Amino acid sequence: MTDLFNSPTASLNTTIVFALALCANLLLKFWLAGRQVRHVALNRDQVPAAFATKIKLAAHQKAADYTIAKTRFGLIELAWGAAIVVAWTLLGGLSTLNHTVANWFGNGLTQQIALLAAFVAIGSVLDLPFTLYQTFVIEERFGFNKTSLKLWLQDFAKSLVLSALIGLPFITLVIWMMGATGPWWWLWVWGVWMGFNLLALLIYPTWIAPLFNKFQPLEDPQVKERVSQLMARCGFTSKGFFVMDGSKRSAHANAYFTGFGASKRVVFYDTLLVQLSPEEVDAVLAHELGHFTHRHVIKRMASLFAMSLAGFFALGWISQQAWFYTGLGVVPNLGAANDALALLLFMMVLPLFSAFIGPVFAQISRKHEFEADAYAVAQTSASALAGALLKLFEDNASTLTPDPVYVAFYYSHPPATERLGRIMGATP
């Protein structure tokens, strides 16, 4: 690593760039949230003309109030998160934690793993009030929360155990490789990261998901027959159709494919099967099949792997620059490895810059949703898909009047007006 005291100008420049990026992020996100709140509030008292006969005013107003409540709460989380990042970096929190852990464990692999574990543990505690408020206040207020404090605590404990059993060995391997595989360590770690993600896709459906929810085989004969015929007609196979007890935690409804290759399965929330007719369930499944037909899943994975490769390459270079540490308020370990420090700093800095390319990926995702909708219409019917989406928009309290600029930045799915307009042939 470059001598710590050789580049004070570079350190100062790093601090300035970091501070400017943080401020730009805050200003942009506050501006976008303000637009969203004002736009939704302005249209709260009138259902859009295209939905006037399908959506009741009370449901429209509930969706508006839910959106505004979540957006405003998100601003508090955003400000808190920015303050925490500043505390960890420029105010010396991470540097203090690093040297405290080094005093306990000495310098070495154990110290680096302990640093990562302590950072994650402290971060989890700091985030806890927001998670609880989101679940037991906002979701509760709008009738979506179905979980109890006891169940929430059980889920939290299971997550901690899984993080320890899976996360600690994995991050230990990563930190060891960063120090043991030479200047090309970032390429080797990227390969391990890819393998870890692919393995997770294989084991999640059968080993991890059942720890949190019950999955029962789909028993409704009419629905089962329809979806079986749809799968056969579209040339798809799966390990089975399952119903998940999503109602145990939330009133929100969904359906999804999970797994990879031979472990792939179709999962319906029990709330979805209650809300939709068999024809509408068929259409929702056809939409998910559309993503596979158009290879959206593979394209997204390829994008993820390409971006992670670029990220690991950048980390490999920047971790060797002294100004990266000192400019962010951290005094590195002299004569010892700083891999854990580099990883933590990079994880805090990266979102500040990647946020500005978010709209590009959001636009691609919305394009994929339109393509999946078109596939579903071709395999089932426009009326069935439109009916299903209308019910889901209403039951999930999704606003019909989001701000267009906010949509461009954040929405991975098209807003209801555009999506249903395409489905029913109202727009090209």
Protein backbone atom coordinates (compact mmCIF):
# COMPACT_ATOMS: atom_id res chain seq x y z
CA MET A 1 0.00 0.00 0.00
CA THR A 2 1.15 3.55 -0.73
CA ASP A 3 2.69 5.29 2.30
CA LEU A 4 -0.12 6.85 4.32
CA PHE A 5 1.49 10.27 4.47
CA ASN A 6 2.61 10.60 0.85
CA SER A 7 -0.68 11.81 -0.62
CA PRO A 8 -2.52 14.27 1.65
CA THR A 9 -3.98 15.97 -1.41
CA ALA A 10 -5.39 12.68 -2.68
CA SER A 11 -6.91 12.02 0.75
CA LEU A 12 -8.51 15.46 0.82
CA ASN A 13 -9.85 15.00 -2.70
CA THR A 14 -11.32 11.65 -1.70
CA THR A 15 -13.07 13.27 1.26
CA ILE A 16 -14.49 16.02 -0.95
CA VAL A 17 -15.71 13.63 -3.65
CA PHE A 18 -17.28 11.36 -1.03
CA ALA A 19 -19.03 14.28 0.69
CA LEU A 20 -20.30 15.67 -2.61
CA ALA A 21 -21.60 12.25 -3.70
CA LEU A 22 -23.37 11.77 -0.37
CA CYS A 23 -24.98 15.22 -0.55
CA ALA A 24 -25.98 14.72 -4.18
CA ASN A 25 -27.62 11.40 -3.27
CA LEU A 26 -29.55 12.96 -0.42
CA LEU A 27 -30.70 15.95 -2.44
CA LEU A 28 -31.76 13.79 -5.39
CA LYS A 29 -33.66 11.27 -3.28
CA PHE A 30 -35.35 13.93 -1.15
CA TRP A 31 -36.39 15.76 -4.31
CA LEU A 32 -37.78 12.59 -5.88
CA ALA A 33 -39.65 11.64 -2.71
CA GLY A 34 -41.10 15.14 -2.46
CA ARG A 35 -42.35 14.90 -6.04
CA GLN A 36 -43.93 11.52 -5.32
CA VAL A 37 -45.72 12.69 -2.18
CA ARG A 38 -47.05 15.85 -3.83
CA HIS A 39 -48.19 14.07 -6.99
CA VAL A 40 -49.97 11.26 -5.13
CA ALA A 41 -51.59 13.69 -2.67
CA LEU A 42 -52.75 15.95 -5.51
CA ASN A 43 -54.54 13.03 -7.19
CA ARG A 44 -55.80 11.40 -3.99
CA ASP A 45 -59.43 12.46 -4.23
CA GLN A 46 -60.17 11.32 -7.76
CA VAL A 47 -59.79 7.90 -9.34
CA PRO A 48 -58.15 8.14 -12.79
CA ALA A 49 -60.77 8.06 -15.52
CA ALA A 50 -59.53 4.75 -16.93
CA PHE A 51 -60.22 3.08 -13.56
CA ALA A 52 -63.34 4.98 -12.49
CA THR A 53 -65.65 2.00 -12.97
CA LYS A 54 -63.21 -0.58 -11.59
CA ILE A 55 -61.58 0.95 -8.50
CA LYS A 56 -63.54 2.49 -5.64
CA LEU A 57 -62.53 5.91 -4.36
CA ALA A 58 -61.90 4.48 -0.87
CA ALA A 59 -59.43 1.93 -2.26
CA HIS A 60 -57.71 4.64 -4.34
CA GLN A 61 -57.37 6.87 -1.28
CA LYS A 62 -56.02 4.01 0.82
CA ALA A 63 -53.34 3.36 -1.82
CA ALA A 64 -52.45 7.06 -1.85
CA ASP A 65 -52.19 7.24 1.94
CA TYR A 66 -50.12 4.03 2.07
CA THR A 67 -47.74 5.33 -0.60
CA ILE A 68 -47.32 8.69 1.13
CA ALA A 69 -46.75 7.06 4.53
CA LYS A 70 -44.07 4.72 3.14
CA THR A 71 -42.37 7.47 1.16
CA ARG A 72 -42.20 9.85 4.12
CA PHE A 73 -40.90 7.12 6.38
CA GLY A 74 -38.34 6.30 3.71
CA LEU A 75 -37.00 9.84 4.01
CA ILE A 76 -36.35 9.33 7.72
CA GLU A 77 -34.57 6.07 6.94
CA LEU A 78 -32.57 7.82 4.23
CA ALA A 79 -31.42 10.61 6.53
CA TRP A 80 -30.58 8.14 9.29
CA GLY A 81 -28.64 5.94 6.88
CA ALA A 82 -26.62 8.90 5.63
CA ALA A 83 -25.82 9.93 9.21
CA ILE A 84 -24.66 6.39 10.00
CA VAL A 85 -22.39 6.33 6.94
CA VAL A 86 -20.83 9.63 7.99
CA ALA A 87 -20.39 8.32 11.54
CA TRP A 88 -18.67 5.16 10.29
CA THR A 89 -16.39 7.07 7.91
CA LEU A 90 -15.55 10.74 8.38
CA LEU A 91 -16.33 10.74 12.10
CA GLY A 92 -14.01 7.78 12.67
CA GLY A 93 -16.45 5.08 13.78
CA LEU A 94 -15.05 2.33 11.59
CA SER A 95 -11.46 3.24 12.43
CA THR A 96 -12.25 3.11 16.15
CA LEU A 97 -14.02 -0.23 15.80
CA ASN A 98 -11.13 -1.64 13.77
CA HIS A 99 -8.49 -0.72 16.34
CA THR A 100 -10.68 -1.90 19.21
CA VAL A 101 -11.08 -5.30 17.60
CA ALA A 102 -7.37 -5.39 16.77
CA ASN A 103 -6.56 -4.81 20.45
CA TRP A 104 -8.72 -7.81 21.35
CA PHE A 105 -7.68 -10.26 18.63
CA GLY A 106 -4.41 -8.94 17.29
CA ASN A 107 -3.85 -8.55 13.55
CA GLY A 108 -4.78 -11.44 11.31
CA LEU A 109 -7.67 -13.32 9.78
CA THR A 110 -9.56 -13.65 13.07
CA GLN A 111 -9.42 -9.91 13.64
CA GLN A 112 -10.77 -9.19 10.16
CA ILE A 113 -13.68 -11.62 10.52
CA ALA A 114 -14.44 -10.19 13.97
CA LEU A 115 -14.45 -6.68 12.48
CA LEU A 116 -16.95 -7.70 9.79
CA ALA A 117 -19.15 -9.52 12.31
CA ALA A 118 -19.13 -6.56 14.71
CA PHE A 119 -19.96 -4.12 11.92
CA VAL A 120 -22.92 -6.22 10.74
CA ALA A 121 -24.16 -6.72 14.31
CA ILE A 122 -24.04 -3.00 15.11
CA GLY A 123 -25.71 -2.16 11.80
CA SER A 124 -28.51 -4.64 12.48
CA VAL A 125 -29.18 -3.07 15.89
CA LEU A 126 -29.23 0.43 14.37
CA ASP A 127 -31.70 -0.68 11.68
CA LEU A 128 -33.95 -2.57 14.09
CA PRO A 129 -36.27 0.31 15.07
CA PHE A 130 -37.02 1.06 11.43
CA THR A 131 -37.81 -2.56 10.64
CA LEU A 132 -40.14 -2.81 13.62
CA TYR A 133 -41.88 0.46 12.79
CA GLN A 134 -42.37 -0.55 9.16
CA THR A 135 -43.93 -3.86 10.17
CA PHE A 136 -45.89 -3.06 13.31
CA VAL A 137 -46.92 0.53 12.61
CA ILE A 138 -47.18 1.26 8.89
CA GLU A 139 -48.13 -2.22 7.67
CA GLU A 140 -50.40 -2.62 10.71
CA ARG A 141 -52.13 0.71 10.12
CA PHE A 142 -53.10 -0.24 6.57
CA GLY A 143 -54.17 -3.78 7.43
CA PHE A 144 -51.30 -5.66 5.82
CA ASN A 145 -49.37 -6.94 8.82
CA LYS A 146 -50.40 -10.41 9.97
CA THR A 147 -47.30 -11.36 11.90
CA SER A 148 -47.04 -11.33 15.67
CA LEU A 149 -44.10 -10.08 17.70
CA LYS A 150 -43.36 -13.68 18.68
CA LEU A 151 -43.25 -14.81 15.04
CA TRP A 152 -41.15 -11.79 14.10
CA LEU A 153 -38.64 -12.64 16.83
CA GLN A 154 -38.54 -16.25 15.66
CA ASP A 155 -37.81 -15.11 12.10
CA PHE A 156 -35.13 -12.74 13.39
CA ALA A 157 -33.45 -15.52 15.38
CA LYS A 158 -33.53 -17.89 12.40
CA SER A 159 -31.99 -15.21 10.20
CA LEU A 160 -29.19 -14.68 12.69
CA VAL A 161 -28.43 -18.39 12.86
CA LEU A 162 -28.48 -18.74 9.06
CA SER A 163 -26.24 -15.69 8.68
CA ALA A 164 -23.75 -17.23 11.05
CA LEU A 165 -23.86 -20.71 9.52
CA ILE A 166 -23.69 -19.55 5.90
CA GLY A 167 -22.30 -16.03 5.99
CA LEU A 168 -19.34 -16.50 8.32
CA PRO A 169 -17.71 -19.41 6.42
CA PHE A 170 -18.26 -17.62 3.11
CA ILE A 171 -16.82 -14.29 4.22
CA THR A 172 -13.92 -16.09 5.91
CA LEU A 173 -13.11 -17.72 2.58
CA VAL A 174 -13.33 -14.35 0.80
CA ILE A 175 -11.05 -12.56 3.27
CA TRP A 176 -8.54 -15.43 3.14
CA MET A 177 -8.53 -15.37 -0.67
CA MET A 178 -8.01 -11.59 -0.71
CA GLY A 179 -4.77 -12.09 1.16
CA ALA A 180 -3.60 -15.42 -0.24
CA THR A 181 -4.20 -15.39 -4.00
CA GLY A 182 -2.01 -12.49 -5.08
CA PRO A 183 -2.83 -9.38 -7.14
CA TRP A 184 -5.53 -11.26 -9.09
CA TRP A 185 -7.46 -12.10 -5.93
CA TRP A 186 -10.46 -10.07 -7.13
CA LEU A 187 -10.96 -12.43 -10.08
CA TRP A 188 -10.82 -15.52 -7.88
CA VAL A 189 -13.23 -13.98 -5.36
CA TRP A 190 -15.58 -13.02 -8.17
CA GLY A 191 -15.65 -16.66 -9.28
CA VAL A 192 -16.45 -17.77 -5.74
CA TRP A 193 -19.17 -15.10 -5.52
CA MET A 194 -20.77 -16.38 -8.74
CA GLY A 195 -20.68 -19.94 -7.50
CA PHE A 196 -22.19 -18.91 -4.16
CA ASN A 197 -25.12 -17.16 -5.89
CA LEU A 198 -25.80 -20.13 -8.15
CA LEU A 199 -25.64 -22.52 -5.21
CA ALA A 200 -28.07 -20.31 -3.28
CA LEU A 201 -30.57 -20.59 -6.14
CA LEU A 202 -30.35 -24.36 -5.91
CA ILE A 203 -30.66 -24.78 -2.15
CA TYR A 204 -33.00 -21.91 -1.25
CA PRO A 205 -36.31 -23.52 -2.34
CA THR A 206 -35.82 -26.82 -0.54
CA TRP A 207 -33.59 -25.96 2.42
CA ILE A 208 -33.94 -22.30 3.42
CA ALA A 209 -37.43 -21.10 2.45
CA PRO A 210 -39.18 -23.90 4.42
CA LEU A 211 -37.50 -22.64 7.60
CA PHE A 212 -39.69 -19.54 7.42
CA ASN A 213 -42.86 -20.68 5.64
CA LYS A 214 -44.89 -23.81 5.07
CA PHE A 215 -45.14 -25.01 1.49
CA GLN A 216 -48.03 -27.33 0.69
CA PRO A 217 -48.69 -28.94 -2.70
CA LEU A 218 -51.37 -27.12 -4.67
CA GLU A 219 -54.61 -29.01 -4.08
CA ASP A 220 -57.30 -26.97 -5.86
CA PRO A 221 -58.10 -29.33 -8.78
CA GLN A 222 -59.35 -26.61 -11.11
CA VAL A 223 -56.35 -24.34 -10.61
CA LYS A 224 -53.92 -27.26 -10.72
CA GLU A 225 -55.36 -28.54 -13.97
CA ARG A 226 -55.24 -25.13 -15.61
CA VAL A 227 -51.66 -24.33 -14.58
CA SER A 228 -50.50 -27.84 -15.55
CA GLN A 229 -51.96 -27.38 -19.01
CA LEU A 230 -50.41 -23.93 -19.28
CA MET A 231 -46.97 -25.24 -18.31
CA ALA A 232 -47.24 -28.08 -20.83
CA ARG A 233 -48.48 -25.73 -23.55
CA CYS A 234 -45.55 -23.37 -22.95
CA GLY A 235 -43.00 -26.19 -22.79
CA PHE A 236 -42.06 -25.73 -19.13
CA THR A 237 -41.48 -28.24 -16.38
CA SER A 238 -41.03 -27.71 -12.66
CA LYS A 239 -40.60 -29.69 -9.49
CA GLY A 240 -44.18 -28.95 -8.54
CA PHE A 241 -46.81 -26.36 -7.65
CA PHE A 242 -46.81 -25.16 -4.07
CA VAL A 243 -48.90 -22.88 -1.88
CA MET A 244 -47.03 -20.75 0.67
CA ASP A 245 -48.66 -19.54 3.87
CA GLY A 246 -47.91 -15.90 3.14
CA SER A 247 -51.00 -14.84 5.07
CA LYS A 248 -49.18 -15.76 8.28
CA ARG A 249 -47.10 -12.59 7.92
CA SER A 250 -48.77 -10.28 5.43
CA ALA A 251 -51.95 -9.64 3.47
CA HIS A 252 -49.93 -8.86 0.35
CA ALA A 253 -50.31 -11.38 -2.50
CA ASN A 254 -47.78 -12.74 -4.97
CA ALA A 255 -46.67 -15.71 -7.07
CA TYR A 256 -43.18 -16.57 -8.23
CA PHE A 257 -40.76 -19.10 -9.67
CA THR A 258 -37.92 -20.09 -7.43
CA GLY A 259 -34.92 -22.31 -7.80
CA PHE A 260 -32.79 -23.12 -10.78
CA GLY A 261 -32.69 -26.02 -13.19
CA ALA A 262 -34.12 -29.21 -11.72
CA SER A 263 -34.97 -27.53 -8.40
CA LYS A 264 -37.25 -24.95 -10.01
CA ARG A 265 -40.74 -24.76 -8.52
CA VAL A 266 -43.86 -22.60 -8.81
CA VAL A 267 -45.04 -20.94 -5.59
CA PHE A 268 -48.38 -19.24 -5.02
CA TYR A 269 -49.16 -17.18 -1.93
CA ASP A 270 -52.31 -18.47 -0.26
CA THR A 271 -53.59 -14.88 -0.35
CA LEU A 272 -53.28 -14.87 -4.15
CA LEU A 273 -55.40 -17.99 -4.57
CA VAL A 274 -58.11 -16.47 -2.38
CA GLN A 275 -58.21 -13.20 -4.31
CA LEU A 276 -57.98 -14.41 -7.92
CA SER A 277 -60.11 -16.64 -10.10
CA PRO A 278 -58.51 -19.73 -11.73
CA GLU A 279 -58.29 -17.85 -15.04
CA GLU A 280 -56.53 -14.95 -13.36
CA VAL A 281 -54.09 -17.26 -11.55
CA ASP A 282 -53.37 -18.77 -14.96
CA ALA A 283 -52.56 -15.34 -16.35
CA VAL A 284 -50.26 -14.43 -13.46
CA LEU A 285 -48.33 -17.68 -13.93
CA ALA A 286 -48.14 -17.04 -17.67
CA HIS A 287 -46.54 -13.68 -16.92
CA GLU A 288 -43.84 -15.43 -14.88
CA LEU A 289 -43.34 -17.93 -17.70
CA GLY A 290 -42.90 -14.96 -20.02
CA HIS A 291 -39.83 -13.90 -18.05
CA PHE A 292 -38.29 -17.33 -18.62
CA THR A 293 -39.27 -17.44 -22.28
CA HIS A 294 -37.58 -14.10 -22.93
CA ARG A 295 -34.58 -15.17 -20.85
CA HIS A 296 -34.99 -12.21 -18.51
CA VAL A 297 -33.70 -14.21 -15.56
CA ILE A 298 -30.52 -15.19 -17.41
CA LYS A 299 -30.04 -11.62 -18.67
CA ARG A 300 -30.39 -10.22 -15.17
CA MET A 301 -27.96 -12.77 -13.78
CA ALA A 302 -25.49 -11.95 -16.55
CA SER A 303 -25.82 -8.25 -15.75
CA LEU A 304 -25.32 -8.97 -12.05
CA PHE A 305 -22.21 -11.02 -12.71
CA ALA A 306 -20.78 -8.44 -15.12
CA MET A 307 -21.35 -5.59 -12.66
CA SER A 308 -19.94 -7.60 -9.77
CA LEU A 309 -16.83 -8.36 -11.85
CA ALA A 310 -16.36 -4.63 -12.47
CA GLY A 311 -16.94 -3.99 -8.78
CA PHE A 312 -14.38 -6.56 -7.63
CA PHE A 313 -11.87 -5.18 -10.14
CA ALA A 314 -12.39 -1.67 -8.75
CA LEU A 315 -12.08 -2.97 -5.19
CA GLY A 316 -8.87 -4.79 -6.10
CA TRP A 317 -7.28 -1.54 -7.25
CA ILE A 318 -8.71 0.90 -4.74
CA SER A 319 -7.91 -1.30 -1.75
CA GLN A 320 -4.21 -0.67 -2.46
CA GLN A 321 -4.54 3.13 -2.32
CA ALA A 322 -3.84 4.77 1.02
CA TRP A 323 -6.02 7.80 0.19
CA PHE A 324 -9.05 5.49 -0.04
CA TYR A 325 -8.76 4.79 3.68
CA THR A 326 -7.50 8.10 5.02
CA GLY A 327 -9.86 10.13 2.83
CA LEU A 328 -12.78 8.24 4.36
CA GLY A 329 -11.69 8.76 7.95
CA VAL A 330 -9.98 5.42 8.52
CA VAL A 331 -6.41 4.81 9.70
CA PRO A 332 -5.42 1.45 8.14
CA ASN A 333 -3.53 -1.26 9.95
CA LEU A 334 0.19 -0.62 9.50
CA GLY A 335 2.09 -3.74 8.52
CA ALA A 336 -1.09 -5.85 8.51
CA ALA A 337 -3.92 -6.74 6.14
CA ASN A 338 -6.72 -4.24 5.55
CA ASP A 339 -8.96 -6.42 3.41
CA ALA A 340 -11.97 -6.28 5.73
CA LEU A 341 -11.63 -2.50 6.03
CA ALA A 342 -11.48 -2.14 2.26
CA LEU A 343 -14.53 -4.33 1.81
CA LEU A 344 -16.60 -2.39 4.35
CA LEU A 345 -15.62 1.02 2.99
CA PHE A 346 -16.31 -0.07 -0.56
CA MET A 347 -19.77 -1.36 0.43
CA MET A 348 -20.59 2.04 1.94
CA VAL A 349 -19.22 4.10 -0.95
CA LEU A 350 -20.49 2.08 -3.90
CA PRO A 351 -24.24 2.85 -3.43
CA LEU A 352 -23.49 6.58 -3.57
CA PHE A 353 -22.34 6.25 -7.17
CA SER A 354 -24.41 3.30 -8.40
CA ALA A 355 -27.61 5.20 -7.50
CA PHE A 356 -27.11 7.42 -10.53
CA ILE A 357 -27.27 4.50 -12.96
CA GLY A 358 -30.31 2.99 -11.24
CA PRO A 359 -32.78 4.50 -13.73
CA VAL A 360 -31.12 2.58 -16.57
CA PHE A 361 -31.75 -0.77 -14.90
CA ALA A 362 -35.23 0.29 -13.81
CA GLN A 363 -36.06 1.07 -17.43
CA ILE A 364 -34.77 -2.33 -18.55
CA SER A 365 -36.82 -4.04 -15.85
CA ARG A 366 -40.00 -2.22 -16.92
CA LYS A 367 -39.35 -3.26 -20.51
CA HIS A 368 -39.06 -6.88 -19.36
CA GLU A 369 -42.39 -6.59 -17.53
CA PHE A 370 -44.11 -5.37 -20.68
CA GLU A 371 -42.66 -8.31 -22.61
CA ALA A 372 -43.82 -10.78 -19.95
CA ASP A 373 -47.29 -9.23 -20.00
CA ALA A 374 -47.46 -9.60 -23.80
CA TYR A 375 -46.49 -13.26 -23.46
CA ALA A 376 -49.19 -13.82 -20.82
CA VAL A 377 -51.82 -12.20 -23.02
CA ALA A 378 -50.82 -14.47 -25.93
CA GLN A 379 -51.02 -17.60 -23.75
CA THR A 380 -54.15 -16.73 -21.74
CA SER A 381 -56.20 -13.57 -22.27
CA ALA A 382 -55.89 -9.84 -21.85
CA SER A 383 -59.02 -9.65 -19.71
CA ALA A 384 -57.77 -12.32 -17.29
CA LEU A 385 -54.37 -10.66 -16.84
CA ALA A 386 -55.91 -7.20 -16.53
CA GLY A 387 -58.40 -8.49 -13.96
CA ALA A 388 -55.65 -10.10 -11.93
CA LEU A 389 -53.46 -7.01 -11.97
CA LEU A 390 -56.35 -4.76 -11.00
CA LYS A 391 -57.07 -6.92 -7.98
CA LEU A 392 -53.40 -7.05 -7.03
CA PHE A 393 -52.97 -3.30 -7.42
CA GLU A 394 -55.99 -2.75 -5.18
CA ASP A 395 -55.21 -5.44 -2.59
CA ASN A 396 -51.56 -4.36 -2.31
CA ALA A 397 -52.56 -0.66 -2.15
CA SER A 398 -50.38 0.27 -5.13
CA THR A 399 -51.02 3.87 -6.13
CA LEU A 400 -52.53 4.49 -9.55
CA THR A 401 -51.01 7.97 -9.76
CA PRO A 402 -47.24 7.85 -9.11
CA ASP A 403 -45.03 10.73 -10.15
CA PRO A 404 -43.54 10.03 -13.62
CA VAL A 405 -40.02 11.12 -12.66
CA TYR A 406 -40.13 9.00 -9.50
CA VAL A 407 -41.27 6.07 -11.66
CA ALA A 408 -38.34 6.56 -14.03
CA PHE A 409 -35.85 6.38 -11.17
CA TYR A 410 -37.29 3.68 -8.95
CA TYR A 411 -40.07 1.58 -10.46
CA SER A 412 -38.99 -1.88 -11.58
CA HIS A 413 -42.59 -2.49 -12.75
CA PRO A 414 -44.58 -0.12 -14.96
CA PRO A 415 -47.31 1.90 -13.22
CA ALA A 416 -50.86 0.57 -13.50
CA THR A 417 -52.04 3.04 -16.13
CA GLU A 418 -49.24 2.14 -18.56
CA ARG A 419 -49.30 -1.56 -17.85
CA LEU A 420 -53.04 -2.07 -18.18
CA GLY A 421 -53.16 0.26 -21.15
CA ARG A 422 -50.66 -1.95 -22.99
CA ILE A 423 -52.50 -5.11 -21.98
CA MET A 424 -55.87 -3.91 -23.23
CA GLY A 425 -54.39 -2.46 -26.40
CA ALA A 426 -54.93 1.16 -25.39
CA THR A 427 -51.34 2.07 -26.25
CA PRO A 428 -48.88 0.68 -28.81
